[in-house]
Protein backbone atom coordinates (compact mmCIF):
# COMPACT_ATOMS: atom_id res chain seq x y z
CA MET A 1 105.02 163.44 26.24
CA VAL A 2 104.26 160.59 23.84
CA PRO A 3 102.38 160.31 20.53
CA ASN A 4 98.71 159.37 20.90
CA LYS A 5 98.21 155.70 20.02
CA PHE A 6 94.95 156.59 18.25
CA PRO A 7 95.63 160.10 16.89
CA ALA A 8 92.90 162.38 15.62
CA LEU A 9 95.37 163.76 13.07
CA GLY A 10 98.53 162.44 11.40
CA ILE A 11 101.79 164.35 11.02
CA GLU A 12 102.89 162.83 7.70
CA GLY A 13 101.74 164.14 4.32
CA SER A 14 100.38 167.37 2.91
CA LEU A 15 97.11 169.20 3.42
CA ASN A 16 96.04 168.73 -0.21
CA ARG A 17 93.19 171.23 -0.08
CA GLN A 18 90.63 170.64 -2.82
CA ALA A 19 87.06 171.34 -3.78
CA GLU A 20 84.29 168.81 -4.11
CA GLY A 21 81.51 170.72 -5.80
CA MET A 22 80.45 173.48 -3.43
CA PHE A 23 82.34 171.84 -0.55
CA ASP A 24 86.02 171.95 0.44
CA LYS A 25 88.11 169.23 2.02
CA MET A 26 91.70 168.54 3.03
CA ASN A 27 93.74 165.78 4.63
CA GLY A 28 93.78 165.34 8.41
CA ILE A 29 97.28 166.66 8.92
CA GLY A 30 98.43 167.57 12.42
CA ALA A 31 99.97 166.19 15.59
CA HIS A 32 98.28 164.50 18.54
CA GLU A 33 100.32 163.91 21.69
CA VAL A 34 99.68 162.84 25.28
CA VAL A 35 101.46 164.18 28.35
CA ILE A 36 101.61 161.65 31.19
CA GLU A 37 101.37 163.85 34.26
CA THR A 38 102.78 161.42 36.83
CA PRO A 39 104.05 157.83 37.04
CA ASP A 40 101.61 157.21 39.93
CA HIS A 41 98.53 155.49 38.49
CA ASN A 42 96.34 156.55 41.41
CA ALA A 43 97.34 160.22 41.46
CA THR A 44 95.48 163.11 39.81
CA LEU A 45 96.50 166.58 38.75
CA ALA A 46 94.94 167.82 42.01
CA THR A 47 97.04 165.51 44.19
CA ILE A 48 100.50 165.75 42.63
CA PRO A 49 102.97 168.38 43.93
CA GLU A 50 102.92 171.89 42.49
CA LYS A 51 106.41 171.36 41.06
CA ARG A 52 105.16 168.39 39.07
CA ILE A 53 102.31 170.48 37.67
CA GLU A 54 104.87 173.10 36.69
CA ASP A 55 106.86 170.39 34.86
CA VAL A 56 103.70 169.46 32.94
CA LEU A 57 103.20 173.10 31.92
CA TRP A 58 106.81 173.30 30.74
CA ALA A 59 106.32 170.14 28.69
CA TYR A 60 103.39 171.78 26.90
CA ARG A 61 105.38 174.96 26.36
CA ASP A 62 108.36 173.09 24.90
CA ARG A 63 106.18 171.05 22.54
CA ILE A 64 104.39 174.17 21.30
CA VAL A 65 107.71 175.89 20.62
CA ASP A 66 108.89 172.88 18.63
CA LEU A 67 105.67 172.17 16.73
CA LYS A 68 105.07 175.80 15.70
CA LYS A 69 108.20 175.55 13.53
CA ASP A 70 106.07 173.45 11.19
CA ARG A 71 104.31 176.14 9.14
CA ARG A 72 101.46 173.77 8.33
CA PHE A 73 100.20 174.14 11.90
CA LYS A 74 98.08 177.21 12.66
CA TYR A 75 96.80 176.40 16.14
CA ILE A 76 97.95 174.15 18.97
CA MET A 77 95.28 173.16 21.45
CA ILE A 78 96.06 171.91 24.96
CA PHE A 79 93.31 170.24 26.91
CA LYS A 80 92.57 167.71 29.63
CA ASN A 81 89.60 165.35 29.95
CA HIS A 82 89.34 164.07 33.52
CA GLY A 83 86.85 161.32 34.21
CA THR A 84 84.61 159.23 31.96
CA ALA A 85 81.85 161.85 31.93
CA ALA A 86 84.35 164.34 30.52
CA GLY A 87 85.43 162.03 27.70
CA ALA A 88 88.54 160.47 29.24
CA THR A 89 89.23 156.98 27.89
CA LEU A 90 92.33 156.29 30.02
CA GLU A 91 92.28 156.00 33.80
CA HIS A 92 95.87 157.23 34.25
CA THR A 93 95.92 161.01 34.64
CA HIS A 94 97.05 162.75 31.47
CA GLY A 95 96.54 165.76 29.23
CA GLN A 96 96.59 166.14 25.46
CA LEU A 97 98.00 168.40 22.77
CA ILE A 98 96.68 168.62 19.21
CA ALA A 99 98.35 170.70 16.49
CA LEU A 100 95.81 171.77 13.86
CA PRO A 101 96.21 173.06 10.28
CA ILE A 102 93.42 175.61 10.84
CA VAL A 103 92.27 177.90 13.63
CA PRO A 104 89.19 176.27 15.25
CA LYS A 105 85.84 178.01 14.85
CA HIS A 106 85.36 178.74 18.56
CA VAL A 107 88.87 180.14 18.83
CA ALA A 108 88.36 182.32 15.75
CA GLU A 109 85.14 183.69 17.25
CA GLU A 110 86.88 184.47 20.54
CA LEU A 111 89.74 186.17 18.70
CA GLU A 112 87.36 188.24 16.59
CA GLY A 113 85.27 189.26 19.59
CA SER A 114 88.33 190.40 21.53
CA LYS A 115 89.59 192.25 18.45
CA GLN A 116 86.33 194.17 18.04
CA TYR A 117 86.38 195.08 21.74
CA PHE A 118 89.93 196.39 21.35
CA ILE A 119 89.01 198.42 18.26
CA TYR A 120 86.13 200.02 20.17
CA LYS A 121 87.82 200.60 23.54
CA GLU A 122 91.56 200.33 22.81
CA ARG A 123 91.91 197.89 25.70
CA CYS A 124 92.17 194.12 26.02
CA VAL A 125 88.83 192.66 27.11
CA PHE A 126 90.55 190.10 29.33
CA CYS A 127 92.63 192.77 31.05
CA ASP A 128 89.37 194.63 31.67
CA ILE A 129 87.82 191.46 33.12
CA VAL A 130 90.77 191.11 35.50
CA ARG A 131 90.40 194.74 36.62
CA GLN A 132 86.63 194.65 37.06
CA GLU A 133 86.49 191.28 38.82
CA THR A 134 89.31 192.28 41.15
CA GLU A 135 87.45 195.45 42.12
CA SER A 136 84.04 193.79 42.66
CA ALA A 137 85.49 190.56 44.16
CA VAL A 138 82.09 188.78 44.18
CA ARG A 139 83.10 186.22 41.54
CA VAL A 140 86.76 185.92 42.57
CA ILE A 141 87.91 182.56 43.93
CA ALA A 142 91.61 183.34 44.40
CA ASP A 143 93.96 186.22 43.61
CA ASP A 144 97.63 185.38 43.98
CA HIS A 145 100.82 184.28 42.23
CA GLY A 146 100.09 186.65 39.33
CA PHE A 147 96.76 184.99 38.46
CA LEU A 148 93.10 185.72 39.03
CA THR A 149 90.85 182.67 39.42
CA VAL A 150 87.27 183.72 38.77
CA ALA A 151 83.79 182.47 37.97
CA PRO A 152 82.98 184.24 34.67
CA TYR A 153 80.06 186.67 34.55
CA ALA A 154 77.92 184.49 32.24
CA PRO A 155 79.16 180.90 32.66
CA ARG A 156 77.87 178.18 30.37
CA PHE A 157 78.17 175.48 33.02
CA PRO A 158 77.81 175.25 36.81
CA PHE A 159 81.13 176.09 38.50
CA GLU A 160 82.81 177.00 35.22
CA THR A 161 86.01 178.79 36.24
CA TRP A 162 88.68 180.80 34.44
CA ILE A 163 92.31 181.31 35.45
CA LEU A 164 93.65 184.54 33.92
CA PRO A 165 97.22 185.84 34.08
CA LYS A 166 97.14 189.36 35.47
CA ARG A 167 99.94 190.42 33.13
CA HIS A 168 98.95 190.65 29.47
CA GLU A 169 100.36 188.01 27.15
CA SER A 170 98.62 186.57 24.10
CA ALA A 171 100.58 183.31 23.74
CA PHE A 172 100.92 180.71 26.48
CA GLU A 173 104.33 179.57 25.23
CA ASN A 174 105.84 183.06 25.50
CA SER A 175 105.35 183.25 29.26
CA SER A 176 108.25 183.47 31.73
CA SER A 177 109.36 180.79 34.19
CA GLN A 178 107.77 182.77 37.02
CA VAL A 179 104.43 182.60 35.20
CA TYR A 180 104.52 178.79 34.93
CA GLU A 181 105.46 178.55 38.60
CA GLY A 182 102.54 180.78 39.57
CA LEU A 183 100.14 178.98 37.24
CA ALA A 184 101.02 175.62 38.79
CA LYS A 185 100.07 177.01 42.21
CA ALA A 186 96.86 178.62 40.94
CA LEU A 187 95.81 175.48 39.06
CA LYS A 188 96.44 173.14 41.96
CA ASN A 189 94.57 175.48 44.29
CA LEU A 190 91.51 175.46 42.02
CA LEU A 191 91.52 171.68 41.51
CA VAL A 192 91.83 170.99 45.25
CA ARG A 193 88.91 173.33 45.95
CA ALA A 194 86.80 171.75 43.21
CA ASP A 195 87.51 168.24 44.52
CA GLN A 196 86.35 169.29 47.99
CA VAL A 197 83.26 171.22 46.97
CA LEU A 198 82.11 169.04 44.06
CA ASP A 199 83.26 165.61 45.30
CA ASN A 200 86.04 164.93 42.78
CA PRO A 201 84.13 165.87 39.63
CA ALA A 202 84.84 164.90 36.06
CA TYR A 203 85.98 167.99 34.19
CA ASN A 204 87.38 169.45 30.99
CA LEU A 205 90.24 171.92 31.12
CA VAL A 206 91.40 173.91 28.07
CA ILE A 207 94.22 176.39 27.58
CA HIS A 208 93.03 179.19 25.29
CA THR A 209 96.01 180.73 23.52
CA ALA A 210 96.83 182.68 20.37
CA PRO A 211 97.37 181.02 16.96
CA VAL A 212 100.99 179.91 16.71
CA GLN A 213 101.85 181.67 13.46
CA GLU A 214 100.64 185.08 14.67
CA ALA A 215 102.70 187.87 16.22
CA ALA A 216 101.95 189.07 19.75
CA MET A 217 98.40 190.43 20.01
CA ASP A 218 97.36 193.47 22.03
CA HIS A 219 93.71 192.40 21.92
CA TYR A 220 94.03 188.77 23.06
CA HIS A 221 95.03 187.29 26.41
CA TRP A 222 95.72 183.59 26.99
CA HIS A 223 93.86 181.89 29.84
CA ILE A 224 92.58 178.56 31.17
CA GLU A 225 88.93 177.50 31.21
CA PHE A 226 87.87 174.80 33.68
CA MET A 227 84.47 173.14 33.22
CA PRO A 228 83.20 170.49 35.67
CA ARG A 229 80.77 168.04 34.09
CA LEU A 230 77.83 168.50 36.44
CA THR A 231 75.02 168.88 33.88
CA LYS A 232 74.38 167.55 30.39
CA THR A 233 74.28 169.47 27.13
CA ALA A 234 70.97 168.56 25.48
CA GLY A 235 68.70 169.55 22.59
CA PHE A 236 68.02 173.10 23.76
CA GLU A 237 71.72 173.90 23.97
CA TRP A 238 72.59 172.23 20.68
CA GLY A 239 69.66 173.86 18.90
CA THR A 240 70.14 177.39 20.21
CA GLY A 241 73.73 177.82 21.38
CA PHE A 242 72.25 179.00 24.70
CA TYR A 243 73.16 177.29 27.96
CA GLN A 244 71.05 176.73 31.07
CA ASN A 245 73.12 177.09 34.24
CA PRO A 246 71.33 176.52 37.57
CA THR A 247 74.19 177.91 39.69
CA PRO A 248 74.87 181.68 39.61
CA PRO A 249 78.59 182.45 39.30
CA GLU A 250 78.55 184.46 42.51
CA GLU A 251 77.34 181.40 44.45
CA ALA A 252 79.81 179.08 42.72
CA ALA A 253 82.68 181.44 43.51
CA LYS A 254 81.66 181.62 47.17
CA TYR A 255 81.49 177.83 47.53
CA LEU A 256 84.94 177.42 45.99
CA ARG A 257 86.38 180.40 47.85
CA ASP A 258 85.17 179.07 51.20
CA ALA A 259 86.59 175.58 50.69
CA LYS A 260 89.26 174.72 53.24
CA VAL A 261 92.62 174.08 51.62
CA GLU A 262 96.10 173.87 53.08
CA ASN A 263 98.01 177.17 52.71
CA PRO A 264 95.37 178.74 50.43
CA PRO A 265 96.37 181.67 48.22
CA GLN A 266 95.05 185.09 49.16
CA VAL A 267 91.37 185.47 48.30
CA ALA A 268 90.38 188.92 47.20
CA ALA A 269 86.83 188.79 48.54
CA GLU A 270 88.07 187.73 51.98
CA SER A 271 90.73 190.42 52.12
CA LYS A 272 88.26 193.28 51.89
C-alpha cells in the first residue's frame, strides 16, 4: 500500500466547513492510497494465487482499521478500476482506497433503504437476498466458502454481480480471518469466470461497507459489487437514473455458472 501520487484528497489540514451564500463548502481532506496487488507487471487479480488475493484483502482491512482512528474520516471506500474503459490509468494491476470526510450520497441512500426495510420487516434486506437467491438458485453463480455470488434481481449493467457473505456483518474490517480466506476464493472464482465468458473485460469492483464511525448495524450487510464495462452510460441513464440492461440476470448467471474453471466452488443451481 502506497500513497496515490495524484491524490483526490489530502490528509493534512482541517475540513474548514463554511457557507458561501446558499451553498456550503469544505476542504478536500481525506486519504487516497493504492494497493499494488502483485510485483508481476503482467498479472491480474484473476491470475494471481488465492493467497495473494487474501493478502490484498488483509491490506485493505489493516488500512481501514488504522485510518478510522482519525475521527475526521466518516467513510472509507475500497474500489478497483481494471482496464482503460473502467477508468484505470495504470497498467499494473492495483486497487485503491479513499478515506472521505462524509458518507457518499449513494452509500447514504443504500444505508437508508436497508434501514427502512429493517424497520418494516425486522430483517436485514441482504440476509433476505441471500436466503431467497439460495432457494431459487436461478441467479446464483457460486455458493461456497461462506459466500453467495449472484446476479442481482435488477442489475444496472450486463453481468453485474454481487458477492455477499452469508453471515451477517455490517463492516468489512470486522470480519474474521476465515472470511477473508473465503472471500479470496470467491473473488478469484468470479474473476476467472468473467475472463472466460466476457473475454477479459474491463470492470469496476467496489466493496460496500458501513461508515467507519458507526457501531455494528443490524440492517446493513457489507458486500462486493462487480460491474464489467460492456455498455456505456449515456444521456437516458444520466437524465433519468434508469439503466438499460440487454442481458437478463438469469442468463448472465447461467453463462458465468457454466464457465469451465479449475476446481470450481459448488454451484447451487447445479446441485439441485
